[in-house]
């Protein structure tokens, strides 16, 4: 452990935690199991994180920076509001498929029995995702697609769709890809 830089060790801990979350059985992850996976002591984990909750916060930070960074790129690249919403939906489904362990954080499975502020933080994440959808749908309205009074309901529906796909992916043991059959479903969800 002494040969590893502090920031690098922190990243290794988060990567190991994410990898442990990929096991579909979904057992509660203990710091003892995480330390064993990394071949370090529990005390070594606590030199980098004050608590297990802080480790999960590190994963949530990664999720937020990745997802909202990609949302910003989509908005900058795509002028059409419907295309923005479609690209965001695809990105959210792909993010889960590419990060199965993070999917358990996204749906709250990994946070059961942990500090309640973690689930509150994920609820804020959902609110921000819904806000991003509202922005795209408002752009679509200005382009003649949909009605302003429907924007909030449609954005909520899109978030519900995504979280439902994430749940199905996690509950299938990561066998049912979240984007399976999504092409037609997204077209129906985004139809005027």
C-alpha atoms as a PDB file:
ATOM      1  CA  UNK A   1       0.000   0.000   0.000  1.00  0.00           C
ATOM      2  CA  UNK A   2       2.899   2.380   0.692  1.00  0.00           C
ATOM      3  CA  UNK A   3       3.866   2.434  -3.000  1.00  0.00           C
ATOM      4  CA  UNK A   4       0.439   3.708  -4.052  1.00  0.00           C
ATOM      5  CA  UNK A   5      -0.336   7.415  -4.187  1.00  0.00           C
ATOM      6  CA  UNK A   6      -3.223   8.508  -1.906  1.00  0.00           C
ATOM      7  CA  UNK A   7      -5.505   9.624  -4.751  1.00  0.00           C
ATOM      8  CA  UNK A   8      -4.764   6.426  -6.637  1.00  0.00           C
ATOM      9  CA  UNK A   9      -5.554   4.250  -3.604  1.00  0.00           C
ATOM     10  CA  UNK A  10      -8.822   6.122  -3.102  1.00  0.00           C
ATOM     11  CA  UNK A  11      -9.760   5.366  -6.714  1.00  0.00           C
ATOM     12  CA  UNK A  12      -8.813   1.699  -6.241  1.00  0.00           C
ATOM     13  CA  UNK A  13     -11.101   1.510  -3.202  1.00  0.00           C
ATOM     14  CA  UNK A  14     -14.018   3.001  -5.165  1.00  0.00           C
ATOM     15  CA  UNK A  15     -13.369   0.687  -8.124  1.00  0.00           C
ATOM     16  CA  UNK A  16     -13.311  -2.340  -5.812  1.00  0.00           C
ATOM     17  CA  UNK A  17     -16.549  -1.205  -4.162  1.00  0.00           C
ATOM     18  CA  UNK A  18     -18.200  -0.770  -7.575  1.00  0.00           C
ATOM     19  CA  UNK A  19     -16.967  -4.218  -8.640  1.00  0.00           C
ATOM     20  CA  UNK A  20     -18.397  -5.792  -5.478  1.00  0.00           C
ATOM     21  CA  UNK A  21     -21.751  -4.150  -6.231  1.00  0.00           C
ATOM     22  CA  UNK A  22     -21.845  -5.955  -9.579  1.00  0.00           C
ATOM     23  CA  UNK A  23     -22.650  -9.244  -7.889  1.00  0.00           C
ATOM     24  CA  UNK A  24     -26.372  -9.753  -8.507  1.00  0.00           C
ATOM     25  CA  UNK A  25     -27.064 -11.367  -5.152  1.00  0.00           C
ATOM     26  CA  UNK A  26     -26.832  -7.921  -3.635  1.00  0.00           C
ATOM     27  CA  UNK A  27     -25.428  -8.845  -0.236  1.00  0.00           C
ATOM     28  CA  UNK A  28     -24.591  -5.969   2.057  1.00  0.00           C
ATOM     29  CA  UNK A  29     -21.008  -4.903   1.522  1.00  0.00           C
ATOM     30  CA  UNK A  30     -18.919  -4.645   4.649  1.00  0.00           C
ATOM     31  CA  UNK A  31     -15.688  -2.749   5.051  1.00  0.00           C
ATOM     32  CA  UNK A  32     -14.085  -6.034   6.118  1.00  0.00           C
ATOM     33  CA  UNK A  33     -15.027  -7.654   2.783  1.00  0.00           C
ATOM     34  CA  UNK A  34     -13.884  -4.579   0.856  1.00  0.00           C
ATOM     35  CA  UNK A  35     -10.561  -4.548   2.714  1.00  0.00           C
ATOM     36  CA  UNK A  36     -10.092  -8.261   2.029  1.00  0.00           C
ATOM     37  CA  UNK A  37     -10.775  -7.730  -1.688  1.00  0.00           C
ATOM     38  CA  UNK A  38      -8.045  -5.080  -1.759  1.00  0.00           C
ATOM     39  CA  UNK A  39      -5.696  -7.091   0.513  1.00  0.00           C
ATOM     40  CA  UNK A  40      -5.480  -4.230   2.994  1.00  0.00           C
ATOM     41  CA  UNK A  41      -6.676  -3.681   6.538  1.00  0.00           C
ATOM     42  CA  UNK A  42      -9.932  -1.920   7.373  1.00  0.00           C
ATOM     43  CA  UNK A  43      -7.813   0.775   9.004  1.00  0.00           C
ATOM     44  CA  UNK A  44      -6.181   1.363   5.616  1.00  0.00           C
ATOM     45  CA  UNK A  45      -9.636   2.053   4.118  1.00  0.00           C
ATOM     46  CA  UNK A  46     -10.365   4.565   6.858  1.00  0.00           C
ATOM     47  CA  UNK A  47      -7.150   6.444   6.116  1.00  0.00           C
ATOM     48  CA  UNK A  48      -8.789   7.417   2.811  1.00  0.00           C
ATOM     49  CA  UNK A  49     -12.455   7.617   3.787  1.00  0.00           C
ATOM     50  CA  UNK A  50     -13.888   8.629   7.169  1.00  0.00           C
ATOM     51  CA  UNK A  51     -16.785   6.179   6.785  1.00  0.00           C
ATOM     52  CA  UNK A  52     -18.391   3.690   4.439  1.00  0.00           C
ATOM     53  CA  UNK A  53     -20.980   6.376   3.654  1.00  0.00           C
ATOM     54  CA  UNK A  54     -18.149   8.547   2.347  1.00  0.00           C
ATOM     55  CA  UNK A  55     -17.132   5.709   0.022  1.00  0.00           C
ATOM     56  CA  UNK A  56     -20.657   5.579  -1.391  1.00  0.00           C
ATOM     57  CA  UNK A  57     -20.587   9.365  -1.721  1.00  0.00           C
ATOM     58  CA  UNK A  58     -17.492   8.917  -3.881  1.00  0.00           C
ATOM     59  CA  UNK A  59     -19.489   6.614  -6.169  1.00  0.00           C
ATOM     60  CA  UNK A  60     -22.371   9.106  -6.266  1.00  0.00           C
ATOM     61  CA  UNK A  61     -19.900  11.879  -7.150  1.00  0.00           C
ATOM     62  CA  UNK A  62     -18.695   9.744 -10.068  1.00  0.00           C
ATOM     63  CA  UNK A  63     -22.275   9.085 -11.224  1.00  0.00           C
ATOM     64  CA  UNK A  64     -23.222  12.759 -11.047  1.00  0.00           C
ATOM     65  CA  UNK A  65     -20.127  14.069 -12.796  1.00  0.00           C
ATOM     66  CA  UNK A  66     -20.399  11.442 -15.545  1.00  0.00           C
ATOM     67  CA  UNK A  67     -24.134  11.766 -16.186  1.00  0.00           C
ATOM     68  CA  UNK A  68     -24.395  15.549 -16.007  1.00  0.00           C
ATOM     69  CA  UNK A  69     -21.178  16.031 -17.966  1.00  0.00           C
ATOM     70  CA  UNK A  70     -22.687  13.893 -20.730  1.00  0.00           C
ATOM     71  CA  UNK A  71     -26.025  15.758 -20.489  1.00  0.00           C
ATOM     72  CA  UNK A  72     -24.183  19.045 -20.997  1.00  0.00           C
ATOM     73  CA  UNK A  73     -22.377  17.622 -24.038  1.00  0.00           C
ATOM     74  CA  UNK A  74     -25.695  16.467 -25.500  1.00  0.00           C
ATOM     75  CA  UNK A  75     -27.282  19.908 -25.048  1.00  0.00           C
ATOM     76  CA  UNK A  76     -24.244  21.631 -26.600  1.00  0.00           C
ATOM     77  CA  UNK A  77     -24.107  19.232 -29.551  1.00  0.00           C
ATOM     78  CA  UNK A  78     -27.821  18.841 -30.321  1.00  0.00           C
ATOM     79  CA  UNK A  79     -30.143  21.754 -31.062  1.00  0.00           C
ATOM     80  CA  UNK A  80     -33.341  19.720 -31.472  1.00  0.00           C
ATOM     81  CA  UNK A  81     -35.138  19.312 -28.123  1.00  0.00           C
ATOM     82  CA  UNK A  82     -36.626  15.885 -28.903  1.00  0.00           C
ATOM     83  CA  UNK A  83     -33.215  14.671 -30.032  1.00  0.00           C
ATOM     84  CA  UNK A  84     -31.721  16.003 -26.778  1.00  0.00           C
ATOM     85  CA  UNK A  85     -34.269  14.088 -24.698  1.00  0.00           C
ATOM     86  CA  UNK A  86     -33.744  10.938 -26.801  1.00  0.00           C
ATOM     87  CA  UNK A  87     -29.953  11.159 -26.465  1.00  0.00           C
ATOM     88  CA  UNK A  88     -30.242  11.693 -22.687  1.00  0.00           C
ATOM     89  CA  UNK A  89     -32.498   8.648 -22.378  1.00  0.00           C
ATOM     90  CA  UNK A  90     -30.074   6.507 -24.387  1.00  0.00           C
ATOM     91  CA  UNK A  91     -27.108   7.794 -22.375  1.00  0.00           C
ATOM     92  CA  UNK A  92     -28.803   6.990 -19.038  1.00  0.00           C
ATOM     93  CA  UNK A  93     -29.665   3.466 -20.176  1.00  0.00           C
ATOM     94  CA  UNK A  94     -26.140   2.921 -21.533  1.00  0.00           C
ATOM     95  CA  UNK A  95     -24.541   4.311 -18.380  1.00  0.00           C
ATOM     96  CA  UNK A  96     -26.311   1.644 -16.324  1.00  0.00           C
ATOM     97  CA  UNK A  97     -25.377  -1.114 -18.784  1.00  0.00           C
ATOM     98  CA  UNK A  98     -21.730  -0.051 -18.706  1.00  0.00           C
ATOM     99  CA  UNK A  99     -21.668   0.331 -14.909  1.00  0.00           C
ATOM    100  CA  UNK A 100     -23.757  -2.460 -13.359  1.00  0.00           C
ATOM    101  CA  UNK A 101     -22.426  -1.839  -9.854  1.00  0.00           C
ATOM    102  CA  UNK A 102     -23.373   1.818 -10.127  1.00  0.00           C
ATOM    103  CA  UNK A 103     -26.868   0.752 -11.180  1.00  0.00           C
ATOM    104  CA  UNK A 104     -27.375  -0.689  -7.702  1.00  0.00           C
ATOM    105  CA  UNK A 105     -26.476   2.738  -6.310  1.00  0.00           C
ATOM    106  CA  UNK A 106     -28.749   4.483  -8.829  1.00  0.00           C
ATOM    107  CA  UNK A 107     -31.788   2.438  -7.772  1.00  0.00           C
ATOM    108  CA  UNK A 108     -30.924   2.601  -4.070  1.00  0.00           C
ATOM    109  CA  UNK A 109     -30.363  -1.156  -3.551  1.00  0.00           C
ATOM    110  CA  UNK A 110     -26.786  -0.630  -2.421  1.00  0.00           C
ATOM    111  CA  UNK A 111     -27.846   2.150  -0.066  1.00  0.00           C
ATOM    112  CA  UNK A 112     -30.340   0.150   2.014  1.00  0.00           C
ATOM    113  CA  UNK A 113     -29.168   0.146   5.610  1.00  0.00           C
ATOM    114  CA  UNK A 114     -26.592   2.861   4.932  1.00  0.00           C
ATOM    115  CA  UNK A 115     -26.670   6.512   5.983  1.00  0.00           C
ATOM    116  CA  UNK A 116     -30.016   8.003   4.923  1.00  0.00           C
ATOM    117  CA  UNK A 117     -28.321  11.078   3.465  1.00  0.00           C
ATOM    118  CA  UNK A 118     -27.084   8.836   0.634  1.00  0.00           C
ATOM    119  CA  UNK A 119     -30.633   8.079  -0.517  1.00  0.00           C
ATOM    120  CA  UNK A 120     -31.518  11.755  -0.162  1.00  0.00           C
ATOM    121  CA  UNK A 121     -28.597  12.540  -2.429  1.00  0.00           C
ATOM    122  CA  UNK A 122     -29.844  10.039  -5.009  1.00  0.00           C
ATOM    123  CA  UNK A 123     -33.295  11.632  -4.808  1.00  0.00           C
ATOM    124  CA  UNK A 124     -31.640  14.959  -5.638  1.00  0.00           C
ATOM    125  CA  UNK A 125     -29.927  13.236  -8.557  1.00  0.00           C
ATOM    126  CA  UNK A 126     -33.328  12.122  -9.909  1.00  0.00           C
ATOM    127  CA  UNK A 127     -34.604  15.690  -9.535  1.00  0.00           C
ATOM    128  CA  UNK A 128     -31.647  16.989 -11.565  1.00  0.00           C
ATOM    129  CA  UNK A 129     -32.215  14.381 -14.264  1.00  0.00           C
ATOM    130  CA  UNK A 130     -35.874  15.419 -14.432  1.00  0.00           C
ATOM    131  CA  UNK A 131     -34.771  19.052 -14.701  1.00  0.00           C
ATOM    132  CA  UNK A 132     -32.506  18.138 -17.632  1.00  0.00           C
ATOM    133  CA  UNK A 133     -35.451  16.437 -19.358  1.00  0.00           C
ATOM    134  CA  UNK A 134     -37.632  19.490 -18.722  1.00  0.00           C
ATOM    135  CA  UNK A 135     -35.015  21.664 -20.394  1.00  0.00           C
ATOM    136  CA  UNK A 136     -34.909  19.446 -23.472  1.00  0.00           C
ATOM    137  CA  UNK A 137     -38.702  19.202 -23.639  1.00  0.00           C
ATOM    138  CA  UNK A 138     -39.072  22.989 -23.325  1.00  0.00           C
ATOM    139  CA  UNK A 139     -36.708  23.394 -26.267  1.00  0.00           C
ATOM    140  CA  UNK A 140     -38.882  20.882 -28.151  1.00  0.00           C
ATOM    141  CA  UNK A 141     -41.997  22.943 -27.363  1.00  0.00           C
ATOM    142  CA  UNK A 142     -40.383  26.043 -28.889  1.00  0.00           C
ATOM    143  CA  UNK A 143     -39.736  23.915 -31.973  1.00  0.00           C
ATOM    144  CA  UNK A 144     -43.392  22.916 -32.272  1.00  0.00           C
ATOM    145  CA  UNK A 145     -43.215  19.561 -30.507  1.00  0.00           C
ATOM    146  CA  UNK A 146     -45.556  19.116 -27.548  1.00  0.00           C
ATOM    147  CA  UNK A 147     -47.184  21.605 -25.211  1.00  0.00           C
ATOM    148  CA  UNK A 148     -45.633  23.631 -22.395  1.00  0.00           C
ATOM    149  CA  UNK A 149     -48.294  22.458 -19.921  1.00  0.00           C
ATOM    150  CA  UNK A 150     -47.217  18.832 -20.537  1.00  0.00           C
ATOM    151  CA  UNK A 151     -43.481  19.341 -19.992  1.00  0.00           C
ATOM    152  CA  UNK A 152     -43.413  18.510 -16.250  1.00  0.00           C
ATOM    153  CA  UNK A 153     -45.546  15.376 -16.642  1.00  0.00           C
ATOM    154  CA  UNK A 154     -43.523  14.160 -19.624  1.00  0.00           C
ATOM    155  CA  UNK A 155     -40.210  14.764 -17.835  1.00  0.00           C
ATOM    156  CA  UNK A 156     -41.479  12.818 -14.820  1.00  0.00           C
ATOM    157  CA  UNK A 157     -42.598   9.990 -17.116  1.00  0.00           C
ATOM    158  CA  UNK A 158     -39.136   9.841 -18.716  1.00  0.00           C
ATOM    159  CA  UNK A 159     -37.434   9.603 -15.309  1.00  0.00           C
ATOM    160  CA  UNK A 160     -39.866   6.858 -14.295  1.00  0.00           C
ATOM    161  CA  UNK A 161     -39.124   4.978 -17.520  1.00  0.00           C
ATOM    162  CA  UNK A 162     -35.361   5.161 -16.966  1.00  0.00           C
ATOM    163  CA  UNK A 163     -35.527   4.116 -13.312  1.00  0.00           C
ATOM    164  CA  UNK A 164     -37.835   1.263 -14.255  1.00  0.00           C
ATOM    165  CA  UNK A 165     -35.332   0.035 -16.847  1.00  0.00           C
ATOM    166  CA  UNK A 166     -32.525   0.332 -14.289  1.00  0.00           C
ATOM    167  CA  UNK A 167     -34.545  -1.688 -11.758  1.00  0.00           C
ATOM    168  CA  UNK A 168     -35.302  -4.389 -14.295  1.00  0.00           C
ATOM    169  CA  UNK A 169     -31.614  -4.576 -15.249  1.00  0.00           C
ATOM    170  CA  UNK A 170     -30.489  -4.931 -11.627  1.00  0.00           C
ATOM    171  CA  UNK A 171     -33.263  -7.335 -10.621  1.00  0.00           C
ATOM    172  CA  UNK A 172     -32.508  -9.592 -13.610  1.00  0.00           C
ATOM    173  CA  UNK A 173     -29.002 -10.071 -12.238  1.00  0.00           C
ATOM    174  CA  UNK A 174     -27.741  -7.665 -14.929  1.00  0.00           C
ATOM    175  CA  UNK A 175     -28.896 -10.008 -17.688  1.00  0.00           C
ATOM    176  CA  UNK A 176     -31.694  -7.880 -19.185  1.00  0.00           C
ATOM    177  CA  UNK A 177     -29.934  -4.990 -20.892  1.00  0.00           C
ATOM    178  CA  UNK A 178     -31.634  -1.684 -20.011  1.00  0.00           C
ATOM    179  CA  UNK A 179     -31.711  -0.594 -23.657  1.00  0.00           C
ATOM    180  CA  UNK A 180     -33.366  -3.794 -24.978  1.00  0.00           C
ATOM    181  CA  UNK A 181     -36.363  -2.786 -27.113  1.00  0.00           C
ATOM    182  CA  UNK A 182     -35.835   0.821 -26.120  1.00  0.00           C
ATOM    183  CA  UNK A 183     -35.932   2.206 -29.672  1.00  0.00           C
ATOM    184  CA  UNK A 184     -39.684   1.832 -30.133  1.00  0.00           C
ATOM    185  CA  UNK A 185     -40.402   2.638 -26.478  1.00  0.00           C
ATOM    186  CA  UNK A 186     -38.463   5.905 -26.654  1.00  0.00           C
ATOM    187  CA  UNK A 187     -40.214   6.850 -29.880  1.00  0.00           C
ATOM    188  CA  UNK A 188     -43.571   6.301 -28.176  1.00  0.00           C
ATOM    189  CA  UNK A 189     -42.524   8.269 -25.096  1.00  0.00           C
ATOM    190  CA  UNK A 190     -41.303  11.205 -27.158  1.00  0.00           C
ATOM    191  CA  UNK A 191     -44.121  11.267 -29.715  1.00  0.00           C
ATOM    192  CA  UNK A 192     -46.074  14.517 -29.833  1.00  0.00           C
END
